[in-house]
N, C-alpha and C. Protein backbone atom coordinates (compact mmCIF):
# COMPACT_ATOMS: atom_id res chain seq x y z
N UNK A 1 40.05 79.68 -74.88
CA UNK A 1 39.62 80.98 -75.39
C UNK A 1 38.37 81.44 -74.63
N UNK A 2 38.40 82.65 -74.07
CA UNK A 2 37.29 83.15 -73.26
C UNK A 2 36.09 83.52 -74.11
N UNK A 3 34.97 83.65 -73.43
CA UNK A 3 33.74 84.06 -74.11
C UNK A 3 33.79 85.55 -74.36
N UNK A 4 33.56 85.96 -75.59
CA UNK A 4 33.57 87.38 -75.92
C UNK A 4 32.27 88.03 -75.47
N UNK A 5 32.39 89.16 -74.80
CA UNK A 5 31.22 89.91 -74.36
C UNK A 5 30.92 91.01 -75.36
N UNK A 6 29.65 91.31 -75.58
CA UNK A 6 29.33 92.40 -76.49
C UNK A 6 29.79 93.72 -75.93
N UNK A 7 30.21 94.63 -76.82
CA UNK A 7 30.62 95.96 -76.39
C UNK A 7 29.42 96.72 -75.82
N UNK A 8 29.70 97.56 -74.83
CA UNK A 8 28.66 98.37 -74.21
C UNK A 8 28.12 99.35 -75.24
N UNK A 9 26.84 99.25 -75.55
CA UNK A 9 26.18 100.12 -76.52
C UNK A 9 25.12 100.93 -75.78
N UNK A 10 25.39 102.20 -75.47
CA UNK A 10 24.44 103.00 -74.68
C UNK A 10 23.05 103.07 -75.29
N UNK A 11 22.95 103.18 -76.61
CA UNK A 11 21.64 103.30 -77.24
C UNK A 11 20.80 102.05 -77.00
N UNK A 12 21.42 100.89 -77.17
CA UNK A 12 20.71 99.63 -76.95
C UNK A 12 20.31 99.48 -75.49
N UNK A 13 21.25 99.83 -74.60
CA UNK A 13 21.00 99.69 -73.17
C UNK A 13 19.89 100.64 -72.71
N UNK A 14 19.88 101.86 -73.24
CA UNK A 14 18.85 102.82 -72.86
C UNK A 14 17.47 102.36 -73.30
N UNK A 15 17.37 101.81 -74.48
CA UNK A 15 16.09 101.27 -74.95
C UNK A 15 15.60 100.16 -74.03
N UNK A 16 16.52 99.28 -73.63
CA UNK A 16 16.16 98.18 -72.74
C UNK A 16 15.73 98.72 -71.37
N UNK A 17 16.47 99.71 -70.85
CA UNK A 17 16.15 100.27 -69.55
C UNK A 17 14.78 100.94 -69.55
N UNK A 18 14.50 101.71 -70.60
CA UNK A 18 13.20 102.37 -70.70
C UNK A 18 12.07 101.35 -70.75
N UNK A 19 12.29 100.25 -71.45
CA UNK A 19 11.26 99.20 -71.53
C UNK A 19 11.04 98.55 -70.17
N UNK A 20 12.12 98.35 -69.42
CA UNK A 20 11.98 97.79 -68.07
C UNK A 20 11.11 98.69 -67.20
N UNK A 21 11.34 99.99 -67.27
CA UNK A 21 10.57 100.94 -66.47
C UNK A 21 9.11 100.97 -66.91
N UNK A 22 8.86 100.93 -68.20
CA UNK A 22 7.48 100.96 -68.70
C UNK A 22 6.70 99.72 -68.26
N UNK A 23 7.39 98.59 -68.17
CA UNK A 23 6.69 97.32 -67.93
C UNK A 23 6.59 96.95 -66.46
N UNK A 24 7.12 97.77 -65.57
CA UNK A 24 7.14 97.44 -64.14
C UNK A 24 6.23 98.38 -63.36
N UNK A 25 5.38 97.82 -62.54
CA UNK A 25 4.50 98.63 -61.68
C UNK A 25 5.28 99.22 -60.51
N UNK A 26 6.14 98.40 -59.91
CA UNK A 26 6.94 98.84 -58.76
C UNK A 26 8.39 99.03 -59.20
N UNK A 27 8.96 100.17 -58.84
CA UNK A 27 10.33 100.50 -59.25
C UNK A 27 11.10 101.00 -58.04
N UNK A 28 12.26 100.41 -57.80
CA UNK A 28 13.12 100.85 -56.72
C UNK A 28 14.23 101.74 -57.23
N UNK A 29 14.63 102.70 -56.41
CA UNK A 29 15.71 103.62 -56.79
C UNK A 29 16.63 103.84 -55.61
N UNK A 30 17.92 103.86 -55.88
CA UNK A 30 18.89 104.28 -54.87
C UNK A 30 18.74 105.78 -54.67
N UNK A 31 19.28 106.29 -53.57
CA UNK A 31 19.16 107.73 -53.29
C UNK A 31 20.36 108.50 -53.84
N UNK A 32 21.54 108.28 -53.24
CA UNK A 32 22.72 109.07 -53.62
C UNK A 32 23.22 108.72 -55.01
N UNK A 33 23.41 109.75 -55.81
CA UNK A 33 23.92 109.70 -57.18
C UNK A 33 22.95 109.04 -58.17
N UNK A 34 21.75 108.73 -57.71
CA UNK A 34 20.65 108.39 -58.61
C UNK A 34 19.61 109.50 -58.54
N UNK A 35 19.23 109.85 -57.32
CA UNK A 35 18.28 110.95 -57.12
C UNK A 35 18.94 112.16 -56.47
N UNK A 36 19.83 111.94 -55.51
CA UNK A 36 20.47 113.01 -54.74
C UNK A 36 21.91 113.16 -55.19
N UNK A 37 22.29 114.36 -55.65
CA UNK A 37 23.67 114.57 -56.11
C UNK A 37 24.55 114.98 -54.93
N UNK A 38 24.79 114.02 -54.04
CA UNK A 38 25.50 114.30 -52.79
C UNK A 38 26.97 114.62 -53.00
N UNK A 39 27.53 114.25 -54.13
CA UNK A 39 28.94 114.55 -54.35
C UNK A 39 29.20 116.06 -54.44
N UNK A 40 28.19 116.85 -54.81
CA UNK A 40 28.42 118.29 -54.96
C UNK A 40 28.68 118.97 -53.63
N UNK A 41 27.85 118.82 -52.60
CA UNK A 41 28.19 119.46 -51.33
C UNK A 41 29.43 118.86 -50.68
N UNK A 42 29.69 117.57 -50.94
CA UNK A 42 30.89 116.95 -50.36
C UNK A 42 32.15 117.56 -50.96
N UNK A 43 32.20 117.70 -52.29
CA UNK A 43 33.40 118.28 -52.90
C UNK A 43 33.50 119.77 -52.57
N UNK A 44 32.36 120.46 -52.44
CA UNK A 44 32.41 121.88 -52.05
C UNK A 44 33.00 122.03 -50.64
N UNK A 45 32.59 121.16 -49.73
CA UNK A 45 33.13 121.21 -48.37
C UNK A 45 34.61 120.86 -48.36
N UNK A 46 34.98 119.87 -49.15
CA UNK A 46 36.40 119.48 -49.23
C UNK A 46 37.24 120.63 -49.78
N UNK A 47 36.73 121.31 -50.79
CA UNK A 47 37.45 122.45 -51.35
C UNK A 47 37.66 123.56 -50.31
N UNK A 48 36.64 123.80 -49.50
CA UNK A 48 36.78 124.83 -48.46
C UNK A 48 37.84 124.45 -47.43
N UNK A 49 37.87 123.18 -47.07
CA UNK A 49 38.82 122.72 -46.06
C UNK A 49 40.26 122.75 -46.60
N UNK A 50 40.44 122.28 -47.84
CA UNK A 50 41.78 122.17 -48.41
C UNK A 50 42.21 123.41 -49.18
N UNK A 51 41.26 124.36 -49.35
CA UNK A 51 41.52 125.57 -50.15
C UNK A 51 41.91 125.18 -51.58
N UNK A 52 41.09 124.30 -52.15
CA UNK A 52 41.29 123.82 -53.52
C UNK A 52 40.07 124.19 -54.35
N UNK A 53 40.08 123.77 -55.61
CA UNK A 53 38.96 124.12 -56.52
C UNK A 53 38.58 122.93 -57.40
N UNK A 54 38.54 121.74 -56.81
CA UNK A 54 38.15 120.56 -57.57
C UNK A 54 36.69 120.65 -57.99
N UNK A 55 36.41 120.10 -59.17
CA UNK A 55 35.06 120.06 -59.69
C UNK A 55 34.40 118.72 -59.34
N UNK A 56 33.07 118.68 -59.33
CA UNK A 56 32.37 117.44 -58.94
C UNK A 56 32.75 116.22 -59.79
N UNK A 57 33.21 116.45 -61.01
CA UNK A 57 33.54 115.33 -61.89
C UNK A 57 34.64 114.43 -61.33
N UNK A 58 35.47 114.94 -60.41
CA UNK A 58 36.54 114.11 -59.85
C UNK A 58 36.00 113.12 -58.83
N UNK A 59 34.76 113.31 -58.43
CA UNK A 59 34.17 112.46 -57.38
C UNK A 59 33.60 111.19 -58.02
N UNK A 60 34.47 110.21 -58.20
CA UNK A 60 34.04 108.96 -58.84
C UNK A 60 33.67 107.90 -57.82
N UNK A 61 33.48 108.31 -56.58
CA UNK A 61 33.07 107.37 -55.54
C UNK A 61 33.43 107.90 -54.17
N UNK A 62 33.03 107.16 -53.15
CA UNK A 62 33.26 107.54 -51.75
C UNK A 62 34.73 107.85 -51.50
N UNK A 63 35.64 107.00 -52.03
CA UNK A 63 37.06 107.10 -51.70
C UNK A 63 37.77 108.25 -52.40
N UNK A 64 37.08 108.98 -53.27
CA UNK A 64 37.72 110.12 -53.94
C UNK A 64 38.17 111.16 -52.92
N UNK A 65 37.42 111.32 -51.85
CA UNK A 65 37.76 112.33 -50.84
C UNK A 65 39.12 112.04 -50.23
N UNK A 66 39.35 110.81 -49.80
CA UNK A 66 40.63 110.48 -49.16
C UNK A 66 41.77 110.56 -50.16
N UNK A 67 41.54 110.17 -51.41
CA UNK A 67 42.61 110.27 -52.42
C UNK A 67 43.05 111.72 -52.60
N UNK A 68 42.07 112.62 -52.68
CA UNK A 68 42.40 114.04 -52.85
C UNK A 68 43.09 114.57 -51.59
N UNK A 69 42.57 114.21 -50.43
CA UNK A 69 43.16 114.69 -49.18
C UNK A 69 44.61 114.24 -49.03
N UNK A 70 44.92 113.01 -49.43
CA UNK A 70 46.29 112.52 -49.35
C UNK A 70 47.23 113.33 -50.25
N UNK A 71 46.74 113.74 -51.40
CA UNK A 71 47.56 114.55 -52.31
C UNK A 71 47.91 115.90 -51.71
N UNK A 72 47.10 116.34 -50.76
CA UNK A 72 47.31 117.67 -50.18
C UNK A 72 47.87 117.61 -48.77
N UNK A 73 48.58 116.53 -48.48
CA UNK A 73 49.38 116.50 -47.28
C UNK A 73 48.77 115.87 -46.04
N UNK A 74 47.52 115.43 -46.11
CA UNK A 74 46.93 114.79 -44.94
C UNK A 74 47.48 113.38 -44.79
N UNK A 75 47.59 112.92 -43.56
CA UNK A 75 48.00 111.55 -43.32
C UNK A 75 46.87 110.60 -43.73
N UNK A 76 47.21 109.31 -43.83
CA UNK A 76 46.19 108.32 -44.17
C UNK A 76 45.03 108.36 -43.18
N UNK A 77 45.37 108.44 -41.89
CA UNK A 77 44.33 108.47 -40.86
C UNK A 77 43.48 109.72 -40.98
N UNK A 78 44.12 110.88 -41.20
CA UNK A 78 43.37 112.13 -41.33
C UNK A 78 42.49 112.13 -42.57
N UNK A 79 43.01 111.58 -43.67
CA UNK A 79 42.25 111.56 -44.92
C UNK A 79 41.02 110.67 -44.80
N UNK A 80 41.18 109.51 -44.19
CA UNK A 80 40.05 108.60 -44.04
C UNK A 80 38.99 109.17 -43.10
N UNK A 81 39.44 109.84 -42.04
CA UNK A 81 38.49 110.46 -41.11
C UNK A 81 37.72 111.57 -41.80
N UNK A 82 38.42 112.40 -42.57
CA UNK A 82 37.76 113.49 -43.28
C UNK A 82 36.74 112.93 -44.27
N UNK A 83 37.12 111.90 -44.99
CA UNK A 83 36.21 111.25 -45.94
C UNK A 83 34.94 110.76 -45.24
N UNK A 84 35.14 110.04 -44.16
CA UNK A 84 34.00 109.51 -43.40
C UNK A 84 33.11 110.64 -42.89
N UNK A 85 33.73 111.68 -42.31
CA UNK A 85 32.96 112.77 -41.71
C UNK A 85 32.13 113.53 -42.75
N UNK A 86 32.71 113.78 -43.92
CA UNK A 86 31.99 114.55 -44.94
C UNK A 86 30.79 113.79 -45.50
N UNK A 87 30.96 112.49 -45.72
CA UNK A 87 29.89 111.72 -46.34
C UNK A 87 28.73 111.44 -45.39
N UNK A 88 28.95 111.60 -44.08
CA UNK A 88 27.85 111.32 -43.14
C UNK A 88 27.42 112.57 -42.38
N UNK A 89 27.83 113.73 -42.83
CA UNK A 89 27.47 114.99 -42.15
C UNK A 89 26.11 115.46 -42.65
N UNK A 90 25.08 115.46 -41.80
CA UNK A 90 23.75 115.88 -42.25
C UNK A 90 23.72 117.30 -42.80
N UNK A 91 24.51 118.20 -42.21
CA UNK A 91 24.53 119.60 -42.67
C UNK A 91 25.13 119.70 -44.07
N UNK A 92 26.11 118.86 -44.37
CA UNK A 92 26.69 118.83 -45.72
C UNK A 92 25.67 118.27 -46.70
N UNK A 93 25.11 117.12 -46.39
CA UNK A 93 24.21 116.44 -47.33
C UNK A 93 22.89 117.19 -47.53
N UNK A 94 22.50 118.00 -46.57
CA UNK A 94 21.27 118.78 -46.72
C UNK A 94 21.33 119.73 -47.89
N UNK A 95 22.55 120.12 -48.29
CA UNK A 95 22.73 121.08 -49.38
C UNK A 95 22.79 120.43 -50.76
N UNK A 96 22.60 119.13 -50.82
CA UNK A 96 22.71 118.44 -52.11
C UNK A 96 21.54 118.78 -53.03
N UNK A 97 21.82 119.07 -54.29
CA UNK A 97 20.72 119.23 -55.26
C UNK A 97 20.29 117.87 -55.81
N UNK A 98 19.20 117.81 -56.52
CA UNK A 98 18.85 116.56 -57.20
C UNK A 98 19.84 116.28 -58.33
N UNK A 99 20.04 115.02 -58.63
CA UNK A 99 20.81 114.66 -59.81
C UNK A 99 20.09 115.18 -61.05
N UNK A 100 20.86 115.54 -62.05
CA UNK A 100 20.27 116.06 -63.29
C UNK A 100 19.32 115.01 -63.88
N UNK A 101 18.08 115.39 -64.05
CA UNK A 101 17.08 114.50 -64.62
C UNK A 101 16.29 113.71 -63.60
N UNK A 102 16.71 113.72 -62.32
CA UNK A 102 16.05 112.89 -61.32
C UNK A 102 14.62 113.34 -61.05
N UNK A 103 14.39 114.64 -60.97
CA UNK A 103 13.04 115.13 -60.74
C UNK A 103 12.14 114.77 -61.91
N UNK A 104 12.65 114.97 -63.12
CA UNK A 104 11.86 114.65 -64.31
C UNK A 104 11.55 113.16 -64.39
N UNK A 105 12.55 112.33 -64.06
CA UNK A 105 12.34 110.88 -64.13
C UNK A 105 11.29 110.42 -63.13
N UNK A 106 11.41 110.85 -61.89
CA UNK A 106 10.47 110.38 -60.87
C UNK A 106 9.06 110.91 -61.12
N UNK A 107 8.94 112.18 -61.56
CA UNK A 107 7.61 112.72 -61.88
C UNK A 107 6.99 111.96 -63.04
N UNK A 108 7.79 111.65 -64.05
CA UNK A 108 7.31 110.90 -65.20
C UNK A 108 6.80 109.52 -64.77
N UNK A 109 7.58 108.85 -63.93
CA UNK A 109 7.18 107.51 -63.49
C UNK A 109 5.89 107.55 -62.66
N UNK A 110 5.79 108.55 -61.78
CA UNK A 110 4.56 108.69 -60.99
C UNK A 110 3.37 108.98 -61.91
N UNK A 111 3.57 109.84 -62.90
CA UNK A 111 2.49 110.14 -63.86
C UNK A 111 2.07 108.89 -64.64
N UNK A 112 3.01 107.96 -64.82
CA UNK A 112 2.72 106.71 -65.52
C UNK A 112 2.04 105.68 -64.60
N UNK A 113 1.82 106.06 -63.35
CA UNK A 113 1.17 105.16 -62.41
C UNK A 113 2.09 104.20 -61.70
N UNK A 114 3.39 104.47 -61.73
CA UNK A 114 4.35 103.59 -61.08
C UNK A 114 4.40 103.84 -59.57
N UNK A 115 4.69 102.79 -58.82
CA UNK A 115 4.90 102.88 -57.37
C UNK A 115 6.40 102.89 -57.12
N UNK A 116 6.91 104.02 -56.56
CA UNK A 116 8.35 104.16 -56.37
C UNK A 116 8.74 103.82 -54.93
N UNK A 117 9.88 103.16 -54.80
CA UNK A 117 10.46 102.86 -53.50
C UNK A 117 11.93 103.28 -53.53
N UNK A 118 12.31 104.17 -52.62
CA UNK A 118 13.71 104.58 -52.51
C UNK A 118 14.35 103.72 -51.44
N UNK A 119 15.43 103.04 -51.80
CA UNK A 119 16.15 102.19 -50.86
C UNK A 119 17.59 102.67 -50.80
N UNK A 120 18.03 103.13 -49.64
CA UNK A 120 19.35 103.74 -49.51
C UNK A 120 20.22 103.01 -48.50
N UNK A 121 21.52 103.05 -48.73
CA UNK A 121 22.48 102.45 -47.80
C UNK A 121 22.94 103.46 -46.75
N UNK A 122 22.33 104.64 -46.70
CA UNK A 122 22.71 105.65 -45.72
C UNK A 122 22.57 105.12 -44.29
N UNK A 123 23.37 105.70 -43.39
CA UNK A 123 23.33 105.29 -41.99
C UNK A 123 22.06 105.83 -41.32
N UNK A 124 21.63 105.20 -40.22
CA UNK A 124 20.39 105.65 -39.55
C UNK A 124 20.42 107.12 -39.13
N UNK A 125 21.59 107.63 -38.78
CA UNK A 125 21.70 109.02 -38.34
C UNK A 125 21.35 110.02 -39.43
N UNK A 126 21.25 109.57 -40.67
CA UNK A 126 20.88 110.45 -41.78
C UNK A 126 19.40 110.35 -42.14
N UNK A 127 18.62 109.68 -41.31
CA UNK A 127 17.20 109.50 -41.61
C UNK A 127 16.48 110.84 -41.73
N UNK A 128 16.64 111.71 -40.75
CA UNK A 128 15.91 112.97 -40.74
C UNK A 128 16.26 113.85 -41.93
N UNK A 129 17.56 113.98 -42.21
CA UNK A 129 17.97 114.83 -43.33
C UNK A 129 17.51 114.23 -44.66
N UNK A 130 17.44 112.91 -44.73
CA UNK A 130 16.97 112.25 -45.96
C UNK A 130 15.48 112.51 -46.17
N UNK A 131 14.69 112.34 -45.11
CA UNK A 131 13.25 112.63 -45.22
C UNK A 131 13.02 114.10 -45.57
N UNK A 132 13.78 114.99 -44.96
CA UNK A 132 13.61 116.43 -45.22
C UNK A 132 13.98 116.77 -46.66
N UNK A 133 15.01 116.12 -47.16
CA UNK A 133 15.43 116.38 -48.54
C UNK A 133 14.31 116.00 -49.51
N UNK A 134 13.73 114.84 -49.33
CA UNK A 134 12.66 114.41 -50.24
C UNK A 134 11.42 115.29 -50.08
N UNK A 135 11.13 115.74 -48.87
CA UNK A 135 9.99 116.63 -48.66
C UNK A 135 10.19 117.95 -49.40
N UNK A 136 11.44 118.38 -49.52
CA UNK A 136 11.72 119.64 -50.22
C UNK A 136 11.78 119.47 -51.74
N UNK A 137 12.45 118.41 -52.19
CA UNK A 137 12.75 118.29 -53.62
C UNK A 137 11.81 117.35 -54.38
N UNK A 138 11.34 116.30 -53.73
CA UNK A 138 10.52 115.29 -54.42
C UNK A 138 9.37 114.86 -53.52
N UNK A 139 8.49 115.79 -53.24
CA UNK A 139 7.40 115.50 -52.30
C UNK A 139 6.40 114.50 -52.86
N UNK A 140 6.48 114.17 -54.14
CA UNK A 140 5.62 113.13 -54.71
C UNK A 140 6.11 111.73 -54.33
N UNK A 141 7.27 111.65 -53.65
CA UNK A 141 7.72 110.38 -53.08
C UNK A 141 7.50 110.47 -51.57
N UNK A 142 6.47 109.84 -51.02
CA UNK A 142 6.15 110.00 -49.60
C UNK A 142 7.18 109.33 -48.70
N UNK A 143 7.20 109.79 -47.46
CA UNK A 143 8.19 109.28 -46.49
C UNK A 143 8.10 107.77 -46.34
N UNK A 144 6.89 107.24 -46.39
CA UNK A 144 6.72 105.80 -46.23
C UNK A 144 7.33 104.97 -47.35
N UNK A 145 7.66 105.62 -48.45
CA UNK A 145 8.27 104.91 -49.58
C UNK A 145 9.80 104.98 -49.56
N UNK A 146 10.35 105.57 -48.50
CA UNK A 146 11.81 105.71 -48.37
C UNK A 146 12.29 104.72 -47.32
N UNK A 147 13.16 103.81 -47.72
CA UNK A 147 13.64 102.75 -46.83
C UNK A 147 15.10 103.02 -46.44
N UNK A 148 15.32 103.21 -45.14
CA UNK A 148 16.65 103.50 -44.60
C UNK A 148 16.81 102.70 -43.32
N UNK A 149 18.03 102.30 -43.01
CA UNK A 149 18.27 101.46 -41.83
C UNK A 149 17.82 102.13 -40.53
N UNK A 150 17.31 101.32 -39.63
CA UNK A 150 17.01 101.77 -38.28
C UNK A 150 18.24 101.57 -37.39
N UNK A 151 18.28 102.27 -36.26
CA UNK A 151 19.48 102.24 -35.41
C UNK A 151 19.82 100.85 -34.91
N UNK A 152 18.82 100.00 -34.71
CA UNK A 152 19.08 98.66 -34.19
C UNK A 152 19.53 97.69 -35.27
N UNK A 153 19.53 98.12 -36.52
CA UNK A 153 19.91 97.26 -37.64
C UNK A 153 21.44 97.20 -37.74
N UNK A 154 22.01 96.02 -37.59
CA UNK A 154 23.47 95.87 -37.59
C UNK A 154 24.03 95.52 -38.97
N UNK A 155 23.19 95.41 -39.97
CA UNK A 155 23.68 95.09 -41.31
C UNK A 155 24.45 96.27 -41.91
N UNK A 156 25.36 95.97 -42.81
CA UNK A 156 26.02 97.04 -43.57
C UNK A 156 25.01 97.68 -44.50
N UNK A 157 25.32 98.88 -44.96
CA UNK A 157 24.39 99.59 -45.83
C UNK A 157 24.07 98.85 -47.11
N UNK A 158 25.10 98.26 -47.73
CA UNK A 158 24.88 97.58 -49.00
C UNK A 158 24.07 96.29 -48.81
N UNK A 159 24.27 95.59 -47.70
CA UNK A 159 23.48 94.38 -47.44
C UNK A 159 22.03 94.76 -47.13
N UNK A 160 21.84 95.81 -46.34
CA UNK A 160 20.48 96.28 -46.07
C UNK A 160 19.76 96.60 -47.38
N UNK A 161 20.47 97.28 -48.27
CA UNK A 161 19.84 97.66 -49.55
C UNK A 161 19.44 96.42 -50.35
N UNK A 162 20.37 95.49 -50.49
CA UNK A 162 20.08 94.28 -51.27
C UNK A 162 18.96 93.46 -50.63
N UNK A 163 19.02 93.32 -49.30
CA UNK A 163 17.97 92.57 -48.60
C UNK A 163 16.60 93.24 -48.78
N UNK A 164 16.57 94.57 -48.73
CA UNK A 164 15.30 95.29 -48.85
C UNK A 164 14.73 95.17 -50.26
N UNK A 165 15.59 95.22 -51.25
CA UNK A 165 15.14 95.01 -52.63
C UNK A 165 14.48 93.64 -52.75
N UNK A 166 15.10 92.65 -52.12
CA UNK A 166 14.51 91.30 -52.15
C UNK A 166 13.22 91.24 -51.36
N UNK A 167 13.21 91.80 -50.15
CA UNK A 167 12.02 91.72 -49.29
C UNK A 167 10.82 92.43 -49.90
N UNK A 168 11.08 93.52 -50.63
CA UNK A 168 9.99 94.25 -51.28
C UNK A 168 9.60 93.64 -52.63
N UNK A 169 10.34 92.61 -53.04
CA UNK A 169 10.10 91.95 -54.34
C UNK A 169 10.09 92.96 -55.49
N UNK A 170 11.03 93.89 -55.44
CA UNK A 170 11.09 94.90 -56.50
C UNK A 170 11.58 94.27 -57.79
N UNK A 171 10.82 94.43 -58.88
CA UNK A 171 11.24 93.82 -60.14
C UNK A 171 12.36 94.58 -60.84
N UNK A 172 12.46 95.89 -60.55
CA UNK A 172 13.49 96.74 -61.18
C UNK A 172 14.08 97.64 -60.10
N UNK A 173 15.41 97.80 -60.13
CA UNK A 173 16.07 98.70 -59.19
C UNK A 173 17.12 99.51 -59.93
N UNK A 174 17.12 100.84 -59.69
CA UNK A 174 18.06 101.75 -60.35
C UNK A 174 19.17 102.06 -59.36
N UNK A 175 20.40 101.74 -59.72
CA UNK A 175 21.57 101.81 -58.84
C UNK A 175 22.71 102.52 -59.57
N UNK A 176 23.67 103.07 -58.81
CA UNK A 176 24.81 103.72 -59.45
C UNK A 176 26.15 103.08 -59.12
N UNK A 177 26.21 102.25 -58.09
CA UNK A 177 27.48 101.70 -57.63
C UNK A 177 27.64 100.26 -58.11
N UNK A 178 28.78 99.98 -58.74
CA UNK A 178 28.95 98.67 -59.35
C UNK A 178 28.92 97.53 -58.34
N UNK A 179 29.63 97.66 -57.20
CA UNK A 179 29.64 96.53 -56.27
C UNK A 179 28.31 96.38 -55.55
N UNK A 180 27.54 97.44 -55.39
CA UNK A 180 26.20 97.31 -54.85
C UNK A 180 25.31 96.55 -55.84
N UNK A 181 25.48 96.86 -57.12
CA UNK A 181 24.70 96.17 -58.15
C UNK A 181 24.99 94.67 -58.15
N UNK A 182 26.26 94.31 -58.01
CA UNK A 182 26.62 92.89 -57.98
C UNK A 182 26.02 92.19 -56.77
N UNK A 183 26.00 92.88 -55.62
CA UNK A 183 25.42 92.27 -54.42
C UNK A 183 23.91 92.11 -54.56
N UNK A 184 23.25 93.12 -55.11
CA UNK A 184 21.80 93.02 -55.33
C UNK A 184 21.50 91.88 -56.30
N UNK A 185 22.33 91.76 -57.33
CA UNK A 185 22.14 90.68 -58.29
C UNK A 185 22.25 89.32 -57.61
N UNK A 186 23.14 89.23 -56.61
CA UNK A 186 23.34 87.96 -55.91
C UNK A 186 22.25 87.66 -54.89
N UNK A 187 21.74 88.70 -54.20
CA UNK A 187 20.82 88.48 -53.09
C UNK A 187 19.34 88.69 -53.44
N UNK A 188 19.07 89.34 -54.58
CA UNK A 188 17.69 89.63 -54.96
C UNK A 188 17.45 89.20 -56.40
N UNK A 189 16.19 89.29 -56.81
CA UNK A 189 15.83 88.86 -58.17
C UNK A 189 15.55 90.01 -59.11
N UNK A 190 15.83 91.24 -58.69
CA UNK A 190 15.50 92.40 -59.50
C UNK A 190 16.35 92.50 -60.75
N UNK A 191 15.75 93.09 -61.78
CA UNK A 191 16.51 93.58 -62.92
C UNK A 191 17.14 94.91 -62.49
N UNK A 192 18.40 95.09 -62.80
CA UNK A 192 19.10 96.30 -62.37
C UNK A 192 19.35 97.24 -63.54
N UNK A 193 19.10 98.53 -63.31
CA UNK A 193 19.52 99.59 -64.23
C UNK A 193 20.67 100.30 -63.54
N UNK A 194 21.87 100.14 -64.05
CA UNK A 194 23.07 100.70 -63.44
C UNK A 194 23.45 102.00 -64.14
N UNK A 195 23.36 103.09 -63.40
CA UNK A 195 23.70 104.41 -63.95
C UNK A 195 25.19 104.62 -63.74
N UNK A 196 25.97 104.17 -64.69
CA UNK A 196 27.42 104.18 -64.53
C UNK A 196 28.05 103.97 -65.90
N UNK A 197 28.83 104.95 -66.35
CA UNK A 197 29.45 104.84 -67.68
C UNK A 197 30.95 104.61 -67.60
N UNK A 198 31.44 104.21 -66.41
CA UNK A 198 32.87 103.94 -66.28
C UNK A 198 33.27 102.77 -67.17
N UNK A 199 34.52 102.79 -67.62
CA UNK A 199 35.06 101.67 -68.38
C UNK A 199 35.51 100.57 -67.43
N UNK A 200 35.70 99.39 -67.97
CA UNK A 200 36.19 98.29 -67.17
C UNK A 200 35.14 97.61 -66.32
N UNK A 201 33.88 97.71 -66.71
CA UNK A 201 32.80 97.09 -65.93
C UNK A 201 32.22 95.88 -66.67
N UNK A 202 33.07 95.19 -67.45
CA UNK A 202 32.57 94.07 -68.25
C UNK A 202 31.97 92.98 -67.39
N UNK A 203 32.47 92.84 -66.13
CA UNK A 203 31.94 91.80 -65.25
C UNK A 203 30.46 92.03 -64.93
N UNK A 204 30.00 93.27 -65.15
CA UNK A 204 28.60 93.59 -64.86
C UNK A 204 27.68 93.29 -66.02
N UNK A 205 28.25 92.96 -67.17
CA UNK A 205 27.40 92.68 -68.32
C UNK A 205 26.68 91.35 -68.11
N UNK A 206 25.40 91.42 -67.96
CA UNK A 206 24.60 90.21 -67.77
C UNK A 206 23.18 90.52 -68.19
N UNK A 207 22.36 89.48 -68.24
CA UNK A 207 20.97 89.68 -68.65
C UNK A 207 20.18 90.45 -67.60
N UNK A 208 20.69 90.54 -66.38
CA UNK A 208 19.96 91.21 -65.31
C UNK A 208 20.50 92.59 -64.98
N UNK A 209 21.56 93.04 -65.62
CA UNK A 209 22.11 94.37 -65.38
C UNK A 209 22.16 95.14 -66.70
N UNK A 210 21.45 96.26 -66.74
CA UNK A 210 21.43 97.13 -67.91
C UNK A 210 22.13 98.43 -67.53
N UNK A 211 23.17 98.77 -68.27
CA UNK A 211 23.94 99.97 -67.93
C UNK A 211 23.52 101.16 -68.79
N UNK A 212 23.33 102.31 -68.14
CA UNK A 212 23.00 103.54 -68.86
C UNK A 212 23.96 104.63 -68.41
N UNK A 213 24.24 105.61 -69.28
CA UNK A 213 25.24 106.64 -68.91
C UNK A 213 24.80 107.54 -67.77
N UNK A 214 23.61 108.13 -67.88
CA UNK A 214 23.15 109.10 -66.87
C UNK A 214 21.64 109.01 -66.70
N UNK A 215 21.15 109.57 -65.60
CA UNK A 215 19.71 109.65 -65.38
C UNK A 215 19.06 110.50 -66.47
N UNK A 216 19.73 111.58 -66.87
CA UNK A 216 19.17 112.45 -67.91
C UNK A 216 18.97 111.68 -69.21
N UNK A 217 19.92 110.82 -69.56
CA UNK A 217 19.77 109.98 -70.76
C UNK A 217 18.57 109.05 -70.61
N UNK A 218 18.37 108.54 -69.40
CA UNK A 218 17.24 107.64 -69.16
C UNK A 218 15.91 108.37 -69.32
N UNK A 219 15.85 109.62 -68.90
CA UNK A 219 14.64 110.44 -69.08
C UNK A 219 14.32 110.56 -70.55
N UNK A 220 15.33 110.88 -71.37
CA UNK A 220 15.11 111.04 -72.81
C UNK A 220 14.64 109.73 -73.44
N UNK A 221 15.22 108.61 -73.00
CA UNK A 221 14.82 107.31 -73.56
C UNK A 221 13.38 106.98 -73.18
N UNK A 222 12.99 107.34 -71.98
CA UNK A 222 11.63 107.05 -71.52
C UNK A 222 10.61 107.93 -72.26
N UNK A 223 11.03 109.11 -72.64
CA UNK A 223 10.13 110.04 -73.35
C UNK A 223 10.08 109.78 -74.85
N UNK A 224 10.96 108.94 -75.34
CA UNK A 224 11.03 108.71 -76.80
C UNK A 224 9.81 107.95 -77.29
């Protein structure tokens, strides 16, 4: 008979997440879908190309683009290329708004005296657009606090992120992708706040991973 896991309780998890943030001087945050709502310009660009009207809610991850493209007649090769091109296009990503609550969360943390570090799995070619985005939307996070791969770095984005969390000795890291969270849990010692309300993530239930529904919910919990 297997070990029964407790049911995901957002209220309990939000209280725990808020306490983690209050008690940590240094806090790490992922960029895309934690601070930067990159799925919005990506789905808008996809809609223009396919002449469709999908809403951002269908974007449940990187691979959503190719799944949608396949439904509309593109070959597997064409769909994967389109997916890759949209997610790494600086002109597309430059139009991304902040995630709902991200500005409020980061300003609140800075006001509380926290030191923020943004660690992203983005490719080196997106360095300039990433720095420009933060200068426009979150100038209270200086460029030196944003960690992105350099061109000579041959690591994958997710390994770079996990290694950087470990190298910076970040006690708390806010992440949105389940497999990135698992890798960080394996390679670093940080407590993770996973912004992800998908079902079927029981494998992520552990003492080091706290799941919360949205950044906006986390703002409310921190202000309570």
